[in-house]
Amino acid sequence: MPGLAGQNVVIGGLRAIQLVFFGFFIVVNSVFHGRLDRYSTHHSTGSVPGANMNSHYMQPGFLFSYAPFRLHRVLSG
């Protein structure tokens, strides 16, 4: 059943690889945000990275919430 192997690769990519990459993204983003808060200067207080950090956290959240729908679409054929 060659089609089943491809489906398993897609399912593994949707769940495992996505969790690893976006989880790593959240960790790196959190470290950056913490260091930006801890070592902020008058230049970085109102800067774009400091003001828009919520959007950096929301993007992986949107992708995680869309993943079950993609998984359902793959499983249903």
PDB file of N, CA and C in Angstrom:
ATOM      1  N   MET A   1       0.826  -1.174   0.000  1.00  0.00           N
ATOM      2  CA  MET A   1       0.000   0.000   0.000  1.00  0.00           C
ATOM      3  C   MET A   1       0.882   1.254   0.000  1.00  0.00           C
ATOM      4  N   PRO A   2       1.319   1.697  -1.152  1.00  0.00           N
ATOM      5  CA  PRO A   2       2.194   2.868  -1.206  1.00  0.00           C
ATOM      6  C   PRO A   2       1.500   4.161  -0.808  1.00  0.00           C
ATOM      7  N   GLY A   3       0.203   4.275  -1.026  1.00  0.00           N
ATOM      8  CA  GLY A   3      -0.507   5.494  -0.667  1.00  0.00           C
ATOM      9  C   GLY A   3      -0.559   5.708   0.835  1.00  0.00           C
ATOM     10  N   LEU A   4      -0.589   4.628   1.579  1.00  0.00           N
ATOM     11  CA  LEU A   4      -0.643   4.714   3.031  1.00  0.00           C
ATOM     12  C   LEU A   4       0.656   5.254   3.617  1.00  0.00           C
ATOM     13  N   ALA A   5       1.774   4.889   3.014  1.00  0.00           N
ATOM     14  CA  ALA A   5       3.063   5.399   3.501  1.00  0.00           C
ATOM     15  C   ALA A   5       3.143   6.912   3.319  1.00  0.00           C
ATOM     16  N   GLY A   6       2.681   7.403   2.177  1.00  0.00           N
ATOM     17  CA  GLY A   6       2.678   8.849   1.948  1.00  0.00           C
ATOM     18  C   GLY A   6       1.769   9.568   2.911  1.00  0.00           C
ATOM     19  N   GLN A   7       0.636   8.957   3.224  1.00  0.00           N
ATOM     20  CA  GLN A   7      -0.289   9.557   4.172  1.00  0.00           C
ATOM     21  C   GLN A   7       0.334   9.620   5.566  1.00  0.00           C
ATOM     22  N   ASN A   8       1.087   8.585   5.928  1.00  0.00           N
ATOM     23  CA  ASN A   8       1.756   8.583   7.230  1.00  0.00           C
ATOM     24  C   ASN A   8       2.832   9.655   7.308  1.00  0.00           C
ATOM     25  N   VAL A   9       3.512   9.896   6.205  1.00  0.00           N
ATOM     26  CA  VAL A   9       4.529  10.949   6.174  1.00  0.00           C
ATOM     27  C   VAL A   9       3.872  12.311   6.368  1.00  0.00           C
ATOM     28  N   VAL A  10       2.752  12.526   5.707  1.00  0.00           N
ATOM     29  CA  VAL A  10       2.037  13.801   5.837  1.00  0.00           C
ATOM     30  C   VAL A  10       1.531  13.983   7.259  1.00  0.00           C
ATOM     31  N   ILE A  11       0.976  12.946   7.835  1.00  0.00           N
ATOM     32  CA  ILE A  11       0.464  13.030   9.206  1.00  0.00           C
ATOM     33  C   ILE A  11       1.609  13.292  10.183  1.00  0.00           C
ATOM     34  N   GLY A  12       2.730  12.607  10.007  1.00  0.00           N
ATOM     35  CA  GLY A  12       3.887  12.846  10.862  1.00  0.00           C
ATOM     36  C   GLY A  12       4.422  14.257  10.712  1.00  0.00           C
ATOM     37  N   GLY A  13       4.410  14.757   9.505  1.00  0.00           N
ATOM     38  CA  GLY A  13       4.874  16.118   9.277  1.00  0.00           C
ATOM     39  C   GLY A  13       3.949  17.141   9.885  1.00  0.00           C
ATOM     40  N   LEU A  14       2.668  16.889   9.830  1.00  0.00           N
ATOM     41  CA  LEU A  14       1.712  17.837  10.394  1.00  0.00           C
ATOM     42  C   LEU A  14       1.814  17.905  11.908  1.00  0.00           C
ATOM     43  N   ARG A  15       2.063  16.804  12.534  1.00  0.00           N
ATOM     44  CA  ARG A  15       2.044  16.794  13.996  1.00  0.00           C
ATOM     45  C   ARG A  15       3.442  16.928  14.596  1.00  0.00           C
ATOM     46  N   ALA A  16       4.318  16.003  14.288  1.00  0.00           N
ATOM     47  CA  ALA A  16       5.611  15.963  14.970  1.00  0.00           C
ATOM     48  C   ALA A  16       6.520  17.109  14.549  1.00  0.00           C
ATOM     49  N   ILE A  17       6.713  17.272  13.271  1.00  0.00           N
ATOM     50  CA  ILE A  17       7.631  18.304  12.798  1.00  0.00           C
ATOM     51  C   ILE A  17       7.094  19.688  13.120  1.00  0.00           C
ATOM     52  N   GLN A  18       5.804  19.863  12.995  1.00  0.00           N
ATOM     53  CA  GLN A  18       5.214  21.166  13.310  1.00  0.00           C
ATOM     54  C   GLN A  18       5.387  21.489  14.789  1.00  0.00           C
ATOM     55  N   LEU A  19       5.190  20.528  15.655  1.00  0.00           N
ATOM     56  CA  LEU A  19       5.378  20.762  17.085  1.00  0.00           C
ATOM     57  C   LEU A  19       6.822  21.115  17.406  1.00  0.00           C
ATOM     58  N   VAL A  20       7.755  20.434  16.764  1.00  0.00           N
ATOM     59  CA  VAL A  20       9.161  20.701  17.034  1.00  0.00           C
ATOM     60  C   VAL A  20       9.552  22.095  16.567  1.00  0.00           C
ATOM     61  N   PHE A  21       9.238  22.440  15.326  1.00  0.00           N
ATOM     62  CA  PHE A  21       9.673  23.717  14.788  1.00  0.00           C
ATOM     63  C   PHE A  21       8.987  24.906  15.450  1.00  0.00           C
ATOM     64  N   PHE A  22       7.684  24.840  15.630  1.00  0.00           N
ATOM     65  CA  PHE A  22       7.002  25.969  16.242  1.00  0.00           C
ATOM     66  C   PHE A  22       7.250  26.027  17.740  1.00  0.00           C
ATOM     67  N   GLY A  23       7.481  24.889  18.375  1.00  0.00           N
ATOM     68  CA  GLY A  23       7.888  24.901  19.771  1.00  0.00           C
ATOM     69  C   GLY A  23       9.248  25.562  19.939  1.00  0.00           C
ATOM     70  N   PHE A  24      10.181  25.253  19.035  1.00  0.00           N
ATOM     71  CA  PHE A  24      11.491  25.905  19.055  1.00  0.00           C
ATOM     72  C   PHE A  24      11.347  27.401  18.809  1.00  0.00           C
ATOM     73  N   PHE A  25      10.457  27.775  17.906  1.00  0.00           N
ATOM     74  CA  PHE A  25      10.216  29.186  17.618  1.00  0.00           C
ATOM     75  C   PHE A  25       9.707  29.918  18.856  1.00  0.00           C
ATOM     76  N   ILE A  26       8.802  29.305  19.603  1.00  0.00           N
ATOM     77  CA  ILE A  26       8.267  29.915  20.817  1.00  0.00           C
ATOM     78  C   ILE A  26       9.364  30.065  21.865  1.00  0.00           C
ATOM     79  N   VAL A  27      10.221  29.060  22.014  1.00  0.00           N
ATOM     80  CA  VAL A  27      11.300  29.135  23.001  1.00  0.00           C
ATOM     81  C   VAL A  27      12.274  30.257  22.650  1.00  0.00           C
ATOM     82  N   VAL A  28      12.700  30.314  21.382  1.00  0.00           N
ATOM     83  CA  VAL A  28      13.629  31.366  20.963  1.00  0.00           C
ATOM     84  C   VAL A  28      12.987  32.740  21.122  1.00  0.00           C
ATOM     85  N   ASN A  29      11.722  32.836  20.774  1.00  0.00           N
ATOM     86  CA  ASN A  29      11.011  34.100  20.895  1.00  0.00           C
ATOM     87  C   ASN A  29      10.882  34.525  22.361  1.00  0.00           C
ATOM     88  N   SER A  30      10.649  33.581  23.239  1.00  0.00           N
ATOM     89  CA  SER A  30      10.537  33.902  24.659  1.00  0.00           C
ATOM     90  C   SER A  30      11.867  34.372  25.233  1.00  0.00           C
ATOM     91  N   VAL A  31      12.952  33.721  24.824  1.00  0.00           N
ATOM     92  CA  VAL A  31      14.275  34.142  25.281  1.00  0.00           C
ATOM     93  C   VAL A  31      14.571  35.554  24.783  1.00  0.00           C
ATOM     94  N   PHE A  32      14.268  35.815  23.521  1.00  0.00           N
ATOM     95  CA  PHE A  32      14.486  37.148  22.959  1.00  0.00           C
ATOM     96  C   PHE A  32      13.656  38.195  23.696  1.00  0.00           C
ATOM     97  N   HIS A  33      12.405  37.880  23.960  1.00  0.00           N
ATOM     98  CA  HIS A  33      11.523  38.806  24.648  1.00  0.00           C
ATOM     99  C   HIS A  33      12.010  39.079  26.074  1.00  0.00           C
ATOM    100  N   GLY A  34      12.433  38.024  26.763  1.00  0.00           N
ATOM    101  CA  GLY A  34      12.955  38.197  28.119  1.00  0.00           C
ATOM    102  C   GLY A  34      14.213  39.050  28.148  1.00  0.00           C
ATOM    103  N   ARG A  35      15.102  38.813  27.204  1.00  0.00           N
ATOM    104  CA  ARG A  35      16.324  39.617  27.158  1.00  0.00           C
ATOM    105  C   ARG A  35      16.028  41.050  26.743  1.00  0.00           C
ATOM    106  N   LEU A  36      15.065  41.232  25.889  1.00  0.00           N
ATOM    107  CA  LEU A  36      14.691  42.586  25.486  1.00  0.00           C
ATOM    108  C   LEU A  36      14.119  43.354  26.675  1.00  0.00           C
ATOM    109  N   ASP A  37      13.333  42.680  27.498  1.00  0.00           N
ATOM    110  CA  ASP A  37      12.789  43.332  28.698  1.00  0.00           C
ATOM    111  C   ASP A  37      13.861  43.570  29.755  1.00  0.00           C
ATOM    112  N   ARG A  38      14.748  42.604  29.916  1.00  0.00           N
ATOM    113  CA  ARG A  38      15.749  42.692  30.970  1.00  0.00           C
ATOM    114  C   ARG A  38      16.828  43.740  30.661  1.00  0.00           C
ATOM    115  N   TYR A  39      17.277  43.775  29.427  1.00  0.00           N
ATOM    116  CA  TYR A  39      18.379  44.660  29.057  1.00  0.00           C
ATOM    117  C   TYR A  39      17.905  45.781  28.138  1.00  0.00           C
ATOM    118  N   SER A  40      16.722  46.297  28.378  1.00  0.00           N
ATOM    119  CA  SER A  40      16.194  47.325  27.494  1.00  0.00           C
ATOM    120  C   SER A  40      16.904  48.649  27.718  1.00  0.00           C
ATOM    121  N   THR A  41      17.042  49.381  26.633  1.00  0.00           N
ATOM    122  CA  THR A  41      17.608  50.723  26.679  1.00  0.00           C
ATOM    123  C   THR A  41      16.537  51.699  26.235  1.00  0.00           C
ATOM    124  N   HIS A  42      16.843  52.952  26.230  1.00  0.00           N
ATOM    125  CA  HIS A  42      15.836  53.921  25.795  1.00  0.00           C
ATOM    126  C   HIS A  42      15.557  53.780  24.298  1.00  0.00           C
ATOM    127  N   HIS A  43      16.488  53.160  23.547  1.00  0.00           N
ATOM    128  CA  HIS A  43      16.250  52.926  22.118  1.00  0.00           C
ATOM    129  C   HIS A  43      15.287  51.757  21.877  1.00  0.00           C
ATOM    130  N   SER A  44      15.349  50.732  22.745  1.00  0.00           N
ATOM    131  CA  SER A  44      14.538  49.541  22.512  1.00  0.00           C
ATOM    132  C   SER A  44      13.211  49.552  23.244  1.00  0.00           C
ATOM    133  N   THR A  45      12.931  50.543  24.052  1.00  0.00           N
ATOM    134  CA  THR A  45      11.700  50.555  24.840  1.00  0.00           C
ATOM    135  C   THR A  45      10.464  50.640  23.960  1.00  0.00           C
ATOM    136  N   GLY A  46      10.443  51.531  23.015  1.00  0.00           N
ATOM    137  CA  GLY A  46       9.289  51.669  22.142  1.00  0.00           C
ATOM    138  C   GLY A  46       9.543  51.156  20.749  1.00  0.00           C
ATOM    139  N   SER A  47      10.543  50.311  20.601  1.00  0.00           N
ATOM    140  CA  SER A  47      10.924  49.845  19.268  1.00  0.00           C
ATOM    141  C   SER A  47       9.932  48.827  18.734  1.00  0.00           C
ATOM    142  N   VAL A  48      10.071  48.530  17.491  1.00  0.00           N
ATOM    143  CA  VAL A  48       9.169  47.588  16.824  1.00  0.00           C
ATOM    144  C   VAL A  48       9.234  46.195  17.438  1.00  0.00           C
ATOM    145  N   PRO A  49      10.418  45.615  17.741  1.00  0.00           N
ATOM    146  CA  PRO A  49      10.399  44.281  18.352  1.00  0.00           C
ATOM    147  C   PRO A  49       9.710  44.265  19.708  1.00  0.00           C
ATOM    148  N   GLY A  50       9.906  45.306  20.507  1.00  0.00           N
ATOM    149  CA  GLY A  50       9.279  45.328  21.822  1.00  0.00           C
ATOM    150  C   GLY A  50       7.785  45.561  21.763  1.00  0.00           C
ATOM    151  N   ALA A  51       7.341  46.344  20.805  1.00  0.00           N
ATOM    152  CA  ALA A  51       5.925  46.686  20.722  1.00  0.00           C
ATOM    153  C   ALA A  51       5.092  45.603  20.061  1.00  0.00           C
ATOM    154  N   ASN A  52       5.685  44.784  19.210  1.00  0.00           N
ATOM    155  CA  ASN A  52       4.916  43.808  18.442  1.00  0.00           C
ATOM    156  C   ASN A  52       5.216  42.362  18.809  1.00  0.00           C
ATOM    157  N   MET A  53       5.625  42.112  20.020  1.00  0.00           N
ATOM    158  CA  MET A  53       5.965  40.735  20.400  1.00  0.00           C
ATOM    159  C   MET A  53       4.742  39.834  20.447  1.00  0.00           C
ATOM    160  N   ASN A  54       3.568  40.373  20.714  1.00  0.00           N
ATOM    161  CA  ASN A  54       2.376  39.526  20.758  1.00  0.00           C
ATOM    162  C   ASN A  54       2.096  38.881  19.409  1.00  0.00           C
ATOM    163  N   SER A  55       2.382  39.587  18.336  1.00  0.00           N
ATOM    164  CA  SER A  55       2.159  38.995  17.014  1.00  0.00           C
ATOM    165  C   SER A  55       3.102  37.826  16.766  1.00  0.00           C
ATOM    166  N   HIS A  56       4.282  37.855  17.384  1.00  0.00           N
ATOM    167  CA  HIS A  56       5.218  36.742  17.242  1.00  0.00           C
ATOM    168  C   HIS A  56       4.740  35.507  17.996  1.00  0.00           C
ATOM    169  N   TYR A  57       3.950  35.713  19.036  1.00  0.00           N
ATOM    170  CA  TYR A  57       3.387  34.585  19.769  1.00  0.00           C
ATOM    171  C   TYR A  57       2.084  34.087  19.140  1.00  0.00           C
ATOM    172  N   MET A  58       1.363  34.962  18.486  1.00  0.00           N
ATOM    173  CA  MET A  58       0.072  34.575  17.903  1.00  0.00           C
ATOM    174  C   MET A  58       0.225  33.748  16.633  1.00  0.00           C
ATOM    175  N   GLN A  59       1.234  33.994  15.843  1.00  0.00           N
ATOM    176  CA  GLN A  59       1.399  33.301  14.565  1.00  0.00           C
ATOM    177  C   GLN A  59       1.510  31.785  14.744  1.00  0.00           C
ATOM    178  N   PRO A  60       2.371  31.250  15.624  1.00  0.00           N
ATOM    179  CA  PRO A  60       2.369  29.802  15.806  1.00  0.00           C
ATOM    180  C   PRO A  60       1.056  29.285  16.380  1.00  0.00           C
ATOM    181  N   GLY A  61       0.389  30.104  17.190  1.00  0.00           N
ATOM    182  CA  GLY A  61      -0.904  29.692  17.728  1.00  0.00           C
ATOM    183  C   GLY A  61      -1.948  29.495  16.648  1.00  0.00           C
ATOM    184  N   PHE A  62      -1.957  30.395  15.678  1.00  0.00           N
ATOM    185  CA  PHE A  62      -2.881  30.237  14.558  1.00  0.00           C
ATOM    186  C   PHE A  62      -2.565  28.980  13.749  1.00  0.00           C
ATOM    187  N   LEU A  63      -1.293  28.721  13.532  1.00  0.00           N
ATOM    188  CA  LEU A  63      -0.920  27.523  12.774  1.00  0.00           C
ATOM    189  C   LEU A  63      -1.249  26.253  13.539  1.00  0.00           C
ATOM    190  N   PHE A  64      -1.050  26.257  14.861  1.00  0.00           N
ATOM    191  CA  PHE A  64      -1.419  25.100  15.669  1.00  0.00           C
ATOM    192  C   PHE A  64      -2.921  24.866  15.644  1.00  0.00           C
ATOM    193  N   SER A  65      -3.701  25.927  15.661  1.00  0.00           N
ATOM    194  CA  SER A  65      -5.154  25.756  15.668  1.00  0.00           C
ATOM    195  C   SER A  65      -5.675  25.299  14.314  1.00  0.00           C
ATOM    196  N   TYR A  66      -4.954  25.586  13.243  1.00  0.00           N
ATOM    197  CA  TYR A  66      -5.380  25.163  11.912  1.00  0.00           C
ATOM    198  C   TYR A  66      -4.947  23.724  11.597  1.00  0.00           C
ATOM    199  N   ALA A  67      -3.955  23.215  12.306  1.00  0.00           N
ATOM    200  CA  ALA A  67      -3.416  21.887  12.035  1.00  0.00           C
ATOM    201  C   ALA A  67      -4.452  20.763  12.134  1.00  0.00           C
ATOM    202  N   PRO A  68      -5.357  20.742  13.110  1.00  0.00           N
ATOM    203  CA  PRO A  68      -6.346  19.649  13.139  1.00  0.00           C
ATOM    204  C   PRO A  68      -7.250  19.627  11.904  1.00  0.00           C
ATOM    205  N   PHE A  69      -7.562  20.796  11.351  1.00  0.00           N
ATOM    206  CA  PHE A  69      -8.386  20.829  10.148  1.00  0.00           C
ATOM    207  C   PHE A  69      -7.630  20.259   8.952  1.00  0.00           C
ATOM    208  N   ARG A  70      -6.347  20.577   8.859  1.00  0.00           N
ATOM    209  CA  ARG A  70      -5.535  20.006   7.785  1.00  0.00           C
ATOM    210  C   ARG A  70      -5.387  18.509   7.969  1.00  0.00           C
ATOM    211  N   LEU A  71      -5.205  18.069   9.197  1.00  0.00           N
ATOM    212  CA  LEU A  71      -5.083  16.652   9.478  1.00  0.00           C
ATOM    213  C   LEU A  71      -6.370  15.910   9.107  1.00  0.00           C
ATOM    214  N   HIS A  72      -7.504  16.488   9.421  1.00  0.00           N
ATOM    215  CA  HIS A  72      -8.779  15.887   9.060  1.00  0.00           C
ATOM    216  C   HIS A  72      -8.944  15.809   7.547  1.00  0.00           C
ATOM    217  N   ARG A  73      -8.518  16.844   6.850  1.00  0.00           N
ATOM    218  CA  ARG A  73      -8.615  16.848   5.394  1.00  0.00           C
ATOM    219  C   ARG A  73      -7.747  15.759   4.780  1.00  0.00           C
ATOM    220  N   VAL A  74      -6.546  15.539   5.334  1.00  0.00           N
ATOM    221  CA  VAL A  74      -5.651  14.491   4.817  1.00  0.00           C
ATOM    222  C   VAL A  74      -6.228  13.113   5.117  1.00  0.00           C
ATOM    223  N   LEU A  75      -6.748  12.940   6.327  1.00  0.00           N
ATOM    224  CA  LEU A  75      -7.267  11.617   6.705  1.00  0.00           C
ATOM    225  C   LEU A  75      -8.555  11.274   5.962  1.00  0.00           C
ATOM    226  N   SER A  76      -9.351  12.271   5.642  1.00  0.00           N
ATOM    227  CA  SER A  76     -10.604  11.983   4.964  1.00  0.00           C
ATOM    228  C   SER A  76     -10.424  11.784   3.462  1.00  0.00           C
ATOM    229  N   GLY A  77      -9.272  12.122   2.968  1.00  0.00           N
ATOM    230  CA  GLY A  77      -8.976  11.855   1.555  1.00  0.00           C
ATOM    231  C   GLY A  77      -9.309  12.999   0.738  1.00  0.00           C
TER     232      GLY A  77
END
